[in-house]
Amino acid sequence: MLPEYFAFRGEHCETVATGTLLAARGVRHSEAMLFGLGRGLGFSLVADSLMEMPMFAGRIGLGKITENLTSVFGLNLRILSGTGETAWENLLRELGAGNPVGVQLDCYYLEYFRSKIHFSGHLVAVIGISDDCISLVDTISQGHICTTSRASFMLAWNNQGVLSRTWFAYVIEGEPLFDEQSLAIAIKANAVSYLREDTGRGVTALTAAARQMQIWLAQESARRDAPRCAKLMERGGTGGANFRKLYADFLTESNLLPVSICDDWKSIAALWSELSRALVECNFPQACSLMDVIARREAEGMRCIVDLF
C-alpha cells in the first residue's frame, strides 16, 4: 500500500480523491483551497430515474475540478484506458509505479459505504491492493481510509448510472508549479462562469429550479422524493450547504476579498441547510420560499465578486 500520508482528509469526494493524487506530487492545500482553485462552485439539475424531482448538483461538472487543478499546478492529467481485466491490470501497474489512482464508481456497491443509495458519480483514490482487499481514500464521513473486496469494487467501477463513466480512472503526473495570480484568476473565473446565462448551469439553472420548485413539490411523489433529494444534497455531496461552506472558506483563505463577502457566502450555506430541513420535513411552502431567496442571494453574491475584479 502507498504511504497513508498521501491520503487527503476532506468531505467532498472529488477534492479528496484528487487531493490524494496531488499530495503524492507534493501539492498540499486545504480542501477549501483546492475547491476554490478548481473553480468548483456551480449549480445544475441532474435527472434521477428514481425521482420526479431532479437532484441538485451544487458544483461544476464532474471531473472539472480535477482538470482545473492540474492546470493551475502545471501538472498532467492522464486518463487510463481499458475495460474489465485490462482496466484492472492498468490499475495494478500504476500502483506498482507508486501512483495513487483516482477512480469513479457507484458508491452503492462499496461494502463500507454507510448510505446505501446508488450514486455513480462518486470518486475515490485507490492506494493499495492486498489479496482480495482494495484500500481506498474516501471522505471523512465514510471512514477516510477504507477497504472493500475486489468483487464489490469491480461492481462499483463497472457502473451504469446517470453520471457513470464506466471503468474511468486517472493519474496525475509531473512537477508542480504555482503562480500566486492563480488565486485571483480562479475567483473571478468561477464567478463569471456561474453568472453566464448561455450554459444552462449556474445562476440560470438555480433560477429555473426556484421557479420549478412549486411544480415538483405538487407531485404526488413529493413526500417520497423531497427527503431523498435533501439526503443526497447534505450527505451525498451533490449539493447543499457543503460546497457553499467550502467556497466561503476559500474566499477567506485567499485574503483577497472583504470579510463581508466571505460572511455572506457563509450565510448562504446556512440557507441551503434550512432548505434541506424543510424538504425532509415536507414543509413545502418554506422550501419554495428559501429557494427563491437562495437564487437571488447567490446571483447578487457573484455579481459583487465580479465587480471587485
C-alpha atoms as a PDB file:
ATOM      1  CA  MET A   1       0.000   0.000   0.000  1.00  0.00           C
ATOM      2  CA  LEU A   2       1.176   3.532  -0.732  1.00  0.00           C
ATOM      3  CA  PRO A   3       2.073   5.761   2.253  1.00  0.00           C
ATOM      4  CA  GLU A   4      -1.008   6.851   4.188  1.00  0.00           C
ATOM      5  CA  TYR A   5       0.257  10.424   4.449  1.00  0.00           C
ATOM      6  CA  PHE A   6      -0.853  10.820   0.836  1.00  0.00           C
ATOM      7  CA  ALA A   7      -4.428  10.212   1.974  1.00  0.00           C
ATOM      8  CA  PHE A   8      -6.258  13.546   1.800  1.00  0.00           C
ATOM      9  CA  ARG A   9      -8.811  14.300   4.523  1.00  0.00           C
ATOM     10  CA  GLY A  10     -11.997  16.052   3.431  1.00  0.00           C
ATOM     11  CA  GLU A  11     -15.748  15.890   2.945  1.00  0.00           C
ATOM     12  CA  HIS A  12     -16.149  16.144  -0.837  1.00  0.00           C
ATOM     13  CA  CYS A  13     -15.294  13.088  -2.892  1.00  0.00           C
ATOM     14  CA  GLU A  14     -13.541  14.766  -5.840  1.00  0.00           C
ATOM     15  CA  THR A  15     -11.338  17.038  -3.740  1.00  0.00           C
ATOM     16  CA  VAL A  16     -10.486  14.039  -1.533  1.00  0.00           C
ATOM     17  CA  ALA A  17      -9.603  11.754  -4.459  1.00  0.00           C
ATOM     18  CA  THR A  18      -7.708  14.380  -6.438  1.00  0.00           C
ATOM     19  CA  GLY A  19      -6.212  15.854  -3.256  1.00  0.00           C
ATOM     20  CA  THR A  20      -4.668  12.441  -2.577  1.00  0.00           C
ATOM     21  CA  LEU A  21      -3.161  12.307  -6.074  1.00  0.00           C
ATOM     22  CA  LEU A  22      -1.893  15.877  -5.705  1.00  0.00           C
ATOM     23  CA  ALA A  23      -0.333  15.089  -2.306  1.00  0.00           C
ATOM     24  CA  ALA A  24       1.671  12.338  -3.990  1.00  0.00           C
ATOM     25  CA  ARG A  25       3.073  15.074  -6.304  1.00  0.00           C
ATOM     26  CA  GLY A  26       3.932  17.304  -3.325  1.00  0.00           C
ATOM     27  CA  VAL A  27       0.865  19.605  -3.500  1.00  0.00           C
ATOM     28  CA  ARG A  28      -0.732  20.095  -0.084  1.00  0.00           C
ATOM     29  CA  HIS A  29      -3.521  22.603   0.482  1.00  0.00           C
ATOM     30  CA  SER A  30      -6.764  22.719   2.454  1.00  0.00           C
ATOM     31  CA  GLU A  31      -9.872  21.224   0.912  1.00  0.00           C
ATOM     32  CA  ALA A  32     -11.388  24.694   0.629  1.00  0.00           C
ATOM     33  CA  MET A  33      -8.336  25.958  -1.267  1.00  0.00           C
ATOM     34  CA  LEU A  34      -8.446  23.012  -3.687  1.00  0.00           C
ATOM     35  CA  PHE A  35     -12.176  23.506  -4.255  1.00  0.00           C
ATOM     36  CA  GLY A  36     -11.710  27.215  -4.923  1.00  0.00           C
ATOM     37  CA  LEU A  37      -8.638  26.912  -7.139  1.00  0.00           C
ATOM     38  CA  GLY A  38     -10.558  24.234  -9.023  1.00  0.00           C
ATOM     39  CA  ARG A  39     -13.333  26.808  -9.621  1.00  0.00           C
ATOM     40  CA  GLY A  40     -15.704  24.310  -8.108  1.00  0.00           C
ATOM     41  CA  LEU A  41     -18.809  26.287  -7.192  1.00  0.00           C
ATOM     42  CA  GLY A  42     -21.741  25.835  -9.535  1.00  0.00           C
ATOM     43  CA  PHE A  43     -25.294  24.591  -9.825  1.00  0.00           C
ATOM     44  CA  SER A  44     -27.078  22.225 -12.161  1.00  0.00           C
ATOM     45  CA  LEU A  45     -30.048  19.885 -12.210  1.00  0.00           C
ATOM     46  CA  VAL A  46     -29.444  16.170 -12.695  1.00  0.00           C
ATOM     47  CA  ALA A  47     -32.284  13.875 -13.723  1.00  0.00           C
ATOM     48  CA  ASP A  48     -32.804  10.903 -11.414  1.00  0.00           C
ATOM     49  CA  SER A  49     -34.700   7.891 -12.731  1.00  0.00           C
ATOM     50  CA  LEU A  50     -35.926   7.117  -9.214  1.00  0.00           C
ATOM     51  CA  MET A  51     -37.500  10.549  -8.600  1.00  0.00           C
ATOM     52  CA  GLU A  52     -39.830  13.007 -10.310  1.00  0.00           C
ATOM     53  CA  MET A  53     -37.732  15.727  -8.702  1.00  0.00           C
ATOM     54  CA  PRO A  54     -34.166  16.168 -10.044  1.00  0.00           C
ATOM     55  CA  MET A  55     -31.036  16.098  -7.935  1.00  0.00           C
ATOM     56  CA  PHE A  56     -29.433  19.455  -7.156  1.00  0.00           C
ATOM     57  CA  ALA A  57     -25.731  19.487  -8.037  1.00  0.00           C
ATOM     58  CA  GLY A  58     -24.060  22.394  -6.257  1.00  0.00           C
ATOM     59  CA  ARG A  59     -20.760  22.281  -8.102  1.00  0.00           C
ATOM     60  CA  ILE A  60     -19.353  22.384 -11.618  1.00  0.00           C
ATOM     61  CA  GLY A  61     -19.362  19.281 -13.826  1.00  0.00           C
ATOM     62  CA  LEU A  62     -17.909  16.026 -12.598  1.00  0.00           C
ATOM     63  CA  GLY A  63     -14.160  15.921 -13.177  1.00  0.00           C
ATOM     64  CA  LYS A  64     -13.871  19.623 -13.996  1.00  0.00           C
ATOM     65  CA  ILE A  65     -12.362  20.491 -10.604  1.00  0.00           C
ATOM     66  CA  THR A  66      -9.603  17.965 -11.273  1.00  0.00           C
ATOM     67  CA  GLU A  67      -8.978  19.359 -14.756  1.00  0.00           C
ATOM     68  CA  ASN A  68      -8.775  22.902 -13.387  1.00  0.00           C
ATOM     69  CA  LEU A  69      -6.443  21.936 -10.535  1.00  0.00           C
ATOM     70  CA  THR A  70      -3.976  20.107 -12.733  1.00  0.00           C
ATOM     71  CA  SER A  71      -3.898  23.167 -14.987  1.00  0.00           C
ATOM     72  CA  VAL A  72      -3.332  25.529 -12.039  1.00  0.00           C
ATOM     73  CA  PHE A  73      -0.380  23.477 -10.782  1.00  0.00           C
ATOM     74  CA  GLY A  74       1.100  22.775 -14.229  1.00  0.00           C
ATOM     75  CA  LEU A  75       0.563  19.017 -13.907  1.00  0.00           C
ATOM     76  CA  ASN A  76      -0.507  16.386 -16.422  1.00  0.00           C
ATOM     77  CA  LEU A  77      -3.853  14.617 -16.033  1.00  0.00           C
ATOM     78  CA  ARG A  78      -3.669  11.179 -17.675  1.00  0.00           C
ATOM     79  CA  ILE A  79      -6.827   9.119 -18.182  1.00  0.00           C
ATOM     80  CA  LEU A  80      -6.261   5.358 -18.028  1.00  0.00           C
ATOM     81  CA  SER A  81      -7.679   3.254 -20.834  1.00  0.00           C
ATOM     82  CA  GLY A  82      -9.207  -0.217 -20.852  1.00  0.00           C
ATOM     83  CA  THR A  83     -12.236  -2.072 -19.522  1.00  0.00           C
ATOM     84  CA  GLY A  84     -12.667  -5.098 -17.283  1.00  0.00           C
ATOM     85  CA  GLU A  85      -9.447  -7.034 -16.704  1.00  0.00           C
ATOM     86  CA  THR A  86      -7.450  -4.590 -18.844  1.00  0.00           C
ATOM     87  CA  ALA A  87      -8.561  -1.702 -16.610  1.00  0.00           C
ATOM     88  CA  TRP A  88      -7.641  -3.800 -13.564  1.00  0.00           C
ATOM     89  CA  GLU A  89      -4.159  -4.538 -14.910  1.00  0.00           C
ATOM     90  CA  ASN A  90      -3.621  -0.843 -15.668  1.00  0.00           C
ATOM     91  CA  LEU A  91      -4.647  -0.024 -12.108  1.00  0.00           C
ATOM     92  CA  LEU A  92      -2.154  -2.532 -10.710  1.00  0.00           C
ATOM     93  CA  ARG A  93       0.593  -1.153 -12.954  1.00  0.00           C
ATOM     94  CA  GLU A  94       0.108   2.428 -11.699  1.00  0.00           C
ATOM     95  CA  LEU A  95       0.056   1.373  -8.056  1.00  0.00           C
ATOM     96  CA  GLY A  96       3.224  -0.634  -8.653  1.00  0.00           C
ATOM     97  CA  ALA A  97       4.841   2.539 -10.005  1.00  0.00           C
ATOM     98  CA  GLY A  98       3.909   4.385  -6.795  1.00  0.00           C
ATOM     99  CA  ASN A  99       0.969   6.337  -8.231  1.00  0.00           C
ATOM    100  CA  PRO A 100      -2.359   6.559  -6.385  1.00  0.00           C
ATOM    101  CA  VAL A 101      -5.219   6.240  -8.871  1.00  0.00           C
ATOM    102  CA  GLY A 102      -8.458   8.224  -8.965  1.00  0.00           C
ATOM    103  CA  VAL A 103     -11.493   6.101  -9.821  1.00  0.00           C
ATOM    104  CA  GLN A 104     -15.149   6.943 -10.474  1.00  0.00           C
ATOM    105  CA  LEU A 105     -17.708   4.394  -9.327  1.00  0.00           C
ATOM    106  CA  ASP A 106     -21.166   3.744  -7.891  1.00  0.00           C
ATOM    107  CA  CYS A 107     -20.769   4.002  -4.117  1.00  0.00           C
ATOM    108  CA  TYR A 108     -23.776   1.716  -3.535  1.00  0.00           C
ATOM    109  CA  TYR A 109     -21.608  -1.381  -4.025  1.00  0.00           C
ATOM    110  CA  LEU A 110     -18.767  -0.373  -1.691  1.00  0.00           C
ATOM    111  CA  GLU A 111     -19.009  -2.569   1.396  1.00  0.00           C
ATOM    112  CA  TYR A 112     -18.073   0.178   3.852  1.00  0.00           C
ATOM    113  CA  PHE A 113     -20.395   2.836   2.442  1.00  0.00           C
ATOM    114  CA  ARG A 114     -22.915   3.985   5.039  1.00  0.00           C
ATOM    115  CA  SER A 115     -25.653   5.413   2.795  1.00  0.00           C
ATOM    116  CA  LYS A 116     -26.977   2.677   0.517  1.00  0.00           C
ATOM    117  CA  ILE A 117     -28.026   4.904  -2.360  1.00  0.00           C
ATOM    118  CA  HIS A 118     -26.992   4.424  -5.976  1.00  0.00           C
ATOM    119  CA  PHE A 119     -24.732   7.329  -6.941  1.00  0.00           C
ATOM    120  CA  SER A 120     -22.476   6.638  -9.908  1.00  0.00           C
ATOM    121  CA  GLY A 121     -20.591   9.948  -9.712  1.00  0.00           C
ATOM    122  CA  HIS A 122     -18.567   9.039  -6.611  1.00  0.00           C
ATOM    123  CA  LEU A 123     -14.778   9.445  -6.741  1.00  0.00           C
ATOM    124  CA  VAL A 124     -12.182   7.700  -4.580  1.00  0.00           C
ATOM    125  CA  ALA A 125      -8.412   7.262  -4.661  1.00  0.00           C
ATOM    126  CA  VAL A 126      -7.030   3.724  -4.771  1.00  0.00           C
ATOM    127  CA  ILE A 127      -3.841   3.463  -2.685  1.00  0.00           C
ATOM    128  CA  GLY A 128      -3.351  -0.275  -2.243  1.00  0.00           C
ATOM    129  CA  ILE A 129      -4.383  -3.825  -3.081  1.00  0.00           C
ATOM    130  CA  SER A 130      -3.705  -6.795  -0.830  1.00  0.00           C
ATOM    131  CA  ASP A 131      -5.071 -10.241  -1.664  1.00  0.00           C
ATOM    132  CA  ASP A 132      -8.794  -9.623  -2.200  1.00  0.00           C
ATOM    133  CA  CYS A 133      -8.841  -6.284  -0.367  1.00  0.00           C
ATOM    134  CA  ILE A 134      -8.791  -2.828  -2.016  1.00  0.00           C
ATOM    135  CA  SER A 135      -7.636   0.169   0.071  1.00  0.00           C
ATOM    136  CA  LEU A 136      -9.379   3.410  -0.852  1.00  0.00           C
ATOM    137  CA  VAL A 137      -9.263   7.011   0.301  1.00  0.00           C
ATOM    138  CA  ASP A 138     -12.812   8.316   0.730  1.00  0.00           C
ATOM    139  CA  THR A 139     -14.437  11.180   2.613  1.00  0.00           C
ATOM    140  CA  ILE A 140     -14.105  11.544   6.383  1.00  0.00           C
ATOM    141  CA  SER A 141     -17.798  10.761   6.823  1.00  0.00           C
ATOM    142  CA  GLN A 142     -17.306   7.397   5.084  1.00  0.00           C
ATOM    143  CA  GLY A 143     -14.250   6.461   7.147  1.00  0.00           C
ATOM    144  CA  HIS A 144     -11.336   8.153   5.301  1.00  0.00           C
ATOM    145  CA  ILE A 145      -9.077   5.133   4.620  1.00  0.00           C
ATOM    146  CA  CYS A 146     -11.443   2.313   3.775  1.00  0.00           C
ATOM    147  CA  THR A 147     -11.375  -1.224   2.423  1.00  0.00           C
ATOM    148  CA  THR A 148     -13.688  -3.199   0.183  1.00  0.00           C
ATOM    149  CA  SER A 149     -13.464  -6.531  -1.612  1.00  0.00           C
ATOM    150  CA  ARG A 150     -12.307  -6.794  -5.205  1.00  0.00           C
ATOM    151  CA  ALA A 151     -15.718  -8.153  -6.234  1.00  0.00           C
ATOM    152  CA  SER A 152     -17.575  -5.165  -4.758  1.00  0.00           C
ATOM    153  CA  PHE A 153     -15.023  -2.726  -6.199  1.00  0.00           C
ATOM    154  CA  MET A 154     -15.382  -4.141  -9.719  1.00  0.00           C
ATOM    155  CA  LEU A 155     -19.186  -3.932  -9.483  1.00  0.00           C
ATOM    156  CA  ALA A 156     -18.897  -0.305  -8.375  1.00  0.00           C
ATOM    157  CA  TRP A 157     -16.358   0.545 -11.075  1.00  0.00           C
ATOM    158  CA  ASN A 158     -18.445  -1.015 -13.858  1.00  0.00           C
ATOM    159  CA  ASN A 159     -21.333   1.310 -13.015  1.00  0.00           C
ATOM    160  CA  GLN A 160     -24.236   2.191 -15.284  1.00  0.00           C
ATOM    161  CA  GLY A 161     -25.894   5.149 -13.520  1.00  0.00           C
ATOM    162  CA  VAL A 162     -26.910   8.627 -14.639  1.00  0.00           C
ATOM    163  CA  LEU A 163     -23.429  10.103 -14.070  1.00  0.00           C
ATOM    164  CA  SER A 164     -21.477   6.969 -14.915  1.00  0.00           C
ATOM    165  CA  ARG A 165     -18.135   6.868 -16.706  1.00  0.00           C
ATOM    166  CA  THR A 166     -17.619   3.108 -16.726  1.00  0.00           C
ATOM    167  CA  TRP A 167     -14.076   1.951 -15.852  1.00  0.00           C
ATOM    168  CA  PHE A 168     -12.973   5.587 -15.513  1.00  0.00           C
ATOM    169  CA  ALA A 169      -9.602   6.059 -13.802  1.00  0.00           C
ATOM    170  CA  TYR A 170      -6.917   8.751 -13.802  1.00  0.00           C
ATOM    171  CA  VAL A 171      -3.461   9.609 -12.513  1.00  0.00           C
ATOM    172  CA  ILE A 172      -1.626  12.917 -12.109  1.00  0.00           C
ATOM    173  CA  GLU A 173       1.960  13.334 -13.281  1.00  0.00           C
ATOM    174  CA  GLY A 174       4.682  15.988 -13.324  1.00  0.00           C
ATOM    175  CA  GLU A 175       6.346  18.507 -11.027  1.00  0.00           C
ATOM    176  CA  PRO A 176       4.024  21.160  -9.584  1.00  0.00           C
ATOM    177  CA  LEU A 177       4.316  24.886 -10.215  1.00  0.00           C
ATOM    178  CA  PHE A 178       2.147  27.626  -8.737  1.00  0.00           C
ATOM    179  CA  ASP A 179       1.594  31.268  -9.642  1.00  0.00           C
ATOM    180  CA  GLU A 180       0.115  33.441  -6.860  1.00  0.00           C
ATOM    181  CA  GLN A 181      -2.015  35.171  -9.506  1.00  0.00           C
ATOM    182  CA  SER A 182      -3.928  31.891  -9.807  1.00  0.00           C
ATOM    183  CA  LEU A 183      -5.978  32.812  -6.735  1.00  0.00           C
ATOM    184  CA  ALA A 184      -7.447  35.984  -8.225  1.00  0.00           C
ATOM    185  CA  ILE A 185      -7.869  34.313 -11.615  1.00  0.00           C
ATOM    186  CA  ALA A 186      -9.790  31.400 -10.081  1.00  0.00           C
ATOM    187  CA  ILE A 187     -12.084  33.653  -8.030  1.00  0.00           C
ATOM    188  CA  LYS A 188     -13.062  35.804 -10.991  1.00  0.00           C
ATOM    189  CA  ALA A 189     -13.346  32.901 -13.442  1.00  0.00           C
ATOM    190  CA  ASN A 190     -15.680  30.962 -11.146  1.00  0.00           C
ATOM    191  CA  ALA A 191     -17.914  33.995 -10.640  1.00  0.00           C
ATOM    192  CA  VAL A 192     -18.037  34.829 -14.352  1.00  0.00           C
ATOM    193  CA  SER A 193     -18.861  31.260 -15.383  1.00  0.00           C
ATOM    194  CA  TYR A 194     -21.524  30.990 -12.669  1.00  0.00           C
ATOM    195  CA  LEU A 195     -23.281  34.100 -13.982  1.00  0.00           C
ATOM    196  CA  ARG A 196     -23.183  33.116 -17.669  1.00  0.00           C
ATOM    197  CA  GLU A 197     -26.718  32.787 -18.994  1.00  0.00           C
ATOM    198  CA  ASP A 198     -25.983  30.640 -22.057  1.00  0.00           C
ATOM    199  CA  THR A 199     -24.794  27.474 -20.309  1.00  0.00           C
ATOM    200  CA  GLY A 200     -27.940  26.145 -18.662  1.00  0.00           C
ATOM    201  CA  ARG A 201     -25.925  25.910 -15.443  1.00  0.00           C
ATOM    202  CA  GLY A 202     -25.026  28.208 -12.563  1.00  0.00           C
ATOM    203  CA  VAL A 203     -27.393  31.076 -11.818  1.00  0.00           C
ATOM    204  CA  THR A 204     -29.560  30.201 -14.847  1.00  0.00           C
ATOM    205  CA  ALA A 205     -30.204  26.678 -13.555  1.00  0.00           C
ATOM    206  CA  LEU A 206     -30.682  27.873  -9.971  1.00  0.00           C
ATOM    207  CA  THR A 207     -33.246  30.496 -11.021  1.00  0.00           C
ATOM    208  CA  ALA A 208     -35.068  27.870 -13.096  1.00  0.00           C
ATOM    209  CA  ALA A 209     -35.064  25.479 -10.128  1.00  0.00           C
ATOM    210  CA  ALA A 210     -36.589  28.170  -7.922  1.00  0.00           C
ATOM    211  CA  ARG A 211     -39.382  28.654 -10.480  1.00  0.00           C
ATOM    212  CA  GLN A 212     -39.982  24.912 -10.822  1.00  0.00           C
ATOM    213  CA  MET A 213     -39.902  24.081  -7.116  1.00  0.00           C
ATOM    214  CA  GLN A 214     -43.642  24.531  -6.603  1.00  0.00           C
ATOM    215  CA  ILE A 215     -44.383  22.248  -9.573  1.00  0.00           C
ATOM    216  CA  TRP A 216     -42.053  19.491  -8.321  1.00  0.00           C
ATOM    217  CA  LEU A 217     -43.454  19.675  -4.809  1.00  0.00           C
ATOM    218  CA  ALA A 218     -47.042  19.475  -6.086  1.00  0.00           C
ATOM    219  CA  GLN A 219     -46.394  15.965  -7.485  1.00  0.00           C
ATOM    220  CA  GLU A 220     -47.918  13.003  -5.676  1.00  0.00           C
ATOM    221  CA  SER A 221     -44.422  11.612  -5.207  1.00  0.00           C
ATOM    222  CA  ALA A 222     -43.134  14.766  -3.488  1.00  0.00           C
ATOM    223  CA  ARG A 223     -43.361  13.402   0.058  1.00  0.00           C
ATOM    224  CA  ARG A 224     -41.194  10.499  -1.030  1.00  0.00           C
ATOM    225  CA  ASP A 225     -38.810  12.431  -3.298  1.00  0.00           C
ATOM    226  CA  ALA A 226     -38.193  15.611  -1.293  1.00  0.00           C
ATOM    227  CA  PRO A 227     -36.490  13.910   1.692  1.00  0.00           C
ATOM    228  CA  ARG A 228     -34.399  11.823  -0.716  1.00  0.00           C
ATOM    229  CA  CYS A 229     -33.316  14.958  -2.573  1.00  0.00           C
ATOM    230  CA  ALA A 230     -32.331  16.564   0.732  1.00  0.00           C
ATOM    231  CA  LYS A 231     -30.375  13.489   1.808  1.00  0.00           C
ATOM    232  CA  LEU A 232     -28.429  13.496  -1.449  1.00  0.00           C
ATOM    233  CA  MET A 233     -27.682  17.208  -1.034  1.00  0.00           C
ATOM    234  CA  GLU A 234     -26.463  17.047   2.543  1.00  0.00           C
ATOM    235  CA  ARG A 235     -24.874  13.575   2.692  1.00  0.00           C
ATOM    236  CA  GLY A 236     -24.188  12.560  -0.891  1.00  0.00           C
ATOM    237  CA  GLY A 237     -22.094  15.579  -1.737  1.00  0.00           C
ATOM    238  CA  THR A 238     -24.180  16.612  -4.724  1.00  0.00           C
ATOM    239  CA  GLY A 239     -25.203  19.999  -3.400  1.00  0.00           C
ATOM    240  CA  GLY A 240     -26.499  21.610  -0.245  1.00  0.00           C
ATOM    241  CA  ALA A 241     -24.508  23.625   2.234  1.00  0.00           C
ATOM    242  CA  ASN A 242     -21.187  21.792   1.944  1.00  0.00           C
ATOM    243  CA  PHE A 243     -19.967  23.414  -1.270  1.00  0.00           C
ATOM    244  CA  ARG A 244     -21.023  26.896  -0.141  1.00  0.00           C
ATOM    245  CA  LYS A 245     -19.110  26.408   3.111  1.00  0.00           C
ATOM    246  CA  LEU A 246     -16.025  25.312   1.173  1.00  0.00           C
ATOM    247  CA  TYR A 247     -16.358  28.294  -1.146  1.00  0.00           C
ATOM    248  CA  ALA A 248     -16.732  30.737   1.758  1.00  0.00           C
ATOM    249  CA  ASP A 249     -13.643  29.246   3.449  1.00  0.00           C
ATOM    250  CA  PHE A 250     -11.708  29.511   0.184  1.00  0.00           C
ATOM    251  CA  LEU A 251     -12.577  33.194  -0.157  1.00  0.00           C
ATOM    252  CA  THR A 252     -11.459  33.739   3.446  1.00  0.00           C
ATOM    253  CA  GLU A 253      -8.174  31.863   2.940  1.00  0.00           C
ATOM    254  CA  SER A 254      -7.435  33.781  -0.251  1.00  0.00           C
ATOM    255  CA  ASN A 255      -7.358  37.026   1.746  1.00  0.00           C
ATOM    256  CA  LEU A 256      -8.347  38.935  -1.406  1.00  0.00           C
ATOM    257  CA  LEU A 257     -11.932  39.901  -0.568  1.00  0.00           C
ATOM    258  CA  PRO A 258     -13.719  41.924   2.113  1.00  0.00           C
ATOM    259  CA  VAL A 259     -14.792  39.903   5.151  1.00  0.00           C
ATOM    260  CA  SER A 260     -18.403  40.896   4.459  1.00  0.00           C
ATOM    261  CA  ILE A 261     -18.426  38.950   1.187  1.00  0.00           C
ATOM    262  CA  CYS A 262     -16.960  35.842   2.822  1.00  0.00           C
ATOM    263  CA  ASP A 263     -19.554  36.073   5.611  1.00  0.00           C
ATOM    264  CA  ASP A 264     -22.327  36.476   3.055  1.00  0.00           C
ATOM    265  CA  TRP A 265     -21.437  33.116   1.500  1.00  0.00           C
ATOM    266  CA  LYS A 266     -21.409  31.506   4.934  1.00  0.00           C
ATOM    267  CA  SER A 267     -24.963  32.741   5.471  1.00  0.00           C
ATOM    268  CA  ILE A 268     -25.953  31.395   2.048  1.00  0.00           C
ATOM    269  CA  ALA A 269     -24.593  27.996   3.117  1.00  0.00           C
ATOM    270  CA  ALA A 270     -26.857  28.160   6.182  1.00  0.00           C
ATOM    271  CA  LEU A 271     -29.852  28.794   3.900  1.00  0.00           C
ATOM    272  CA  TRP A 272     -29.078  25.564   1.999  1.00  0.00           C
ATOM    273  CA  SER A 273     -29.134  23.669   5.300  1.00  0.00           C
ATOM    274  CA  GLU A 274     -32.521  25.244   6.100  1.00  0.00           C
ATOM    275  CA  LEU A 275     -33.778  24.179   2.658  1.00  0.00           C
ATOM    276  CA  SER A 276     -32.705  20.590   3.288  1.00  0.00           C
ATOM    277  CA  ARG A 277     -34.508  20.549   6.627  1.00  0.00           C
ATOM    278  CA  ALA A 278     -37.653  21.933   5.010  1.00  0.00           C
ATOM    279  CA  LEU A 279     -37.553  19.197   2.354  1.00  0.00           C
ATOM    280  CA  VAL A 280     -37.007  16.465   4.926  1.00  0.00           C
ATOM    281  CA  GLU A 281     -39.939  17.775   6.967  1.00  0.00           C
ATOM    282  CA  CYS A 282     -42.036  18.202   3.783  1.00  0.00           C
ATOM    283  CA  ASN A 283     -42.541  21.866   4.664  1.00  0.00           C
ATOM    284  CA  PHE A 284     -43.017  22.767   1.018  1.00  0.00           C
ATOM    285  CA  PRO A 285     -44.069  26.435   1.339  1.00  0.00           C
ATOM    286  CA  GLN A 286     -40.896  27.156   3.307  1.00  0.00           C
ATOM    287  CA  ALA A 287     -38.785  25.182   0.795  1.00  0.00           C
ATOM    288  CA  CYS A 288     -40.148  27.239  -2.111  1.00  0.00           C
ATOM    289  CA  SER A 289     -39.542  30.498  -0.268  1.00  0.00           C
ATOM    290  CA  LEU A 290     -35.974  29.517   0.642  1.00  0.00           C
ATOM    291  CA  MET A 291     -35.180  28.507  -2.939  1.00  0.00           C
ATOM    292  CA  ASP A 292     -36.255  31.955  -4.158  1.00  0.00           C
ATOM    293  CA  VAL A 293     -34.050  33.665  -1.561  1.00  0.00           C
ATOM    294  CA  ILE A 294     -31.039  31.435  -2.344  1.00  0.00           C
ATOM    295  CA  ALA A 295     -31.291  32.093  -6.090  1.00  0.00           C
ATOM    296  CA  ARG A 296     -31.371  35.862  -5.531  1.00  0.00           C
ATOM    297  CA  ARG A 297     -28.587  35.876  -2.914  1.00  0.00           C
ATOM    298  CA  GLU A 298     -26.191  33.742  -4.982  1.00  0.00           C
ATOM    299  CA  ALA A 299     -26.663  35.885  -8.087  1.00  0.00           C
ATOM    300  CA  GLU A 300     -26.033  39.041  -6.060  1.00  0.00           C
ATOM    301  CA  GLY A 301     -23.015  37.489  -4.345  1.00  0.00           C
ATOM    302  CA  MET A 302     -21.328  36.535  -7.599  1.00  0.00           C
ATOM    303  CA  ARG A 303     -22.006  39.951  -9.152  1.00  0.00           C
ATOM    304  CA  CYS A 304     -20.278  41.580  -6.168  1.00  0.00           C
ATOM    305  CA  ILE A 305     -17.217  39.422  -6.749  1.00  0.00           C
ATOM    306  CA  VAL A 306     -17.085  40.223 -10.480  1.00  0.00           C
ATOM    307  CA  ASP A 307     -17.353  43.943  -9.701  1.00  0.00           C
ATOM    308  CA  LEU A 308     -14.323  43.716  -7.391  1.00  0.00           C
ATOM    309  CA  PHE A 309     -12.132  42.171 -10.082  1.00  0.00           C
END
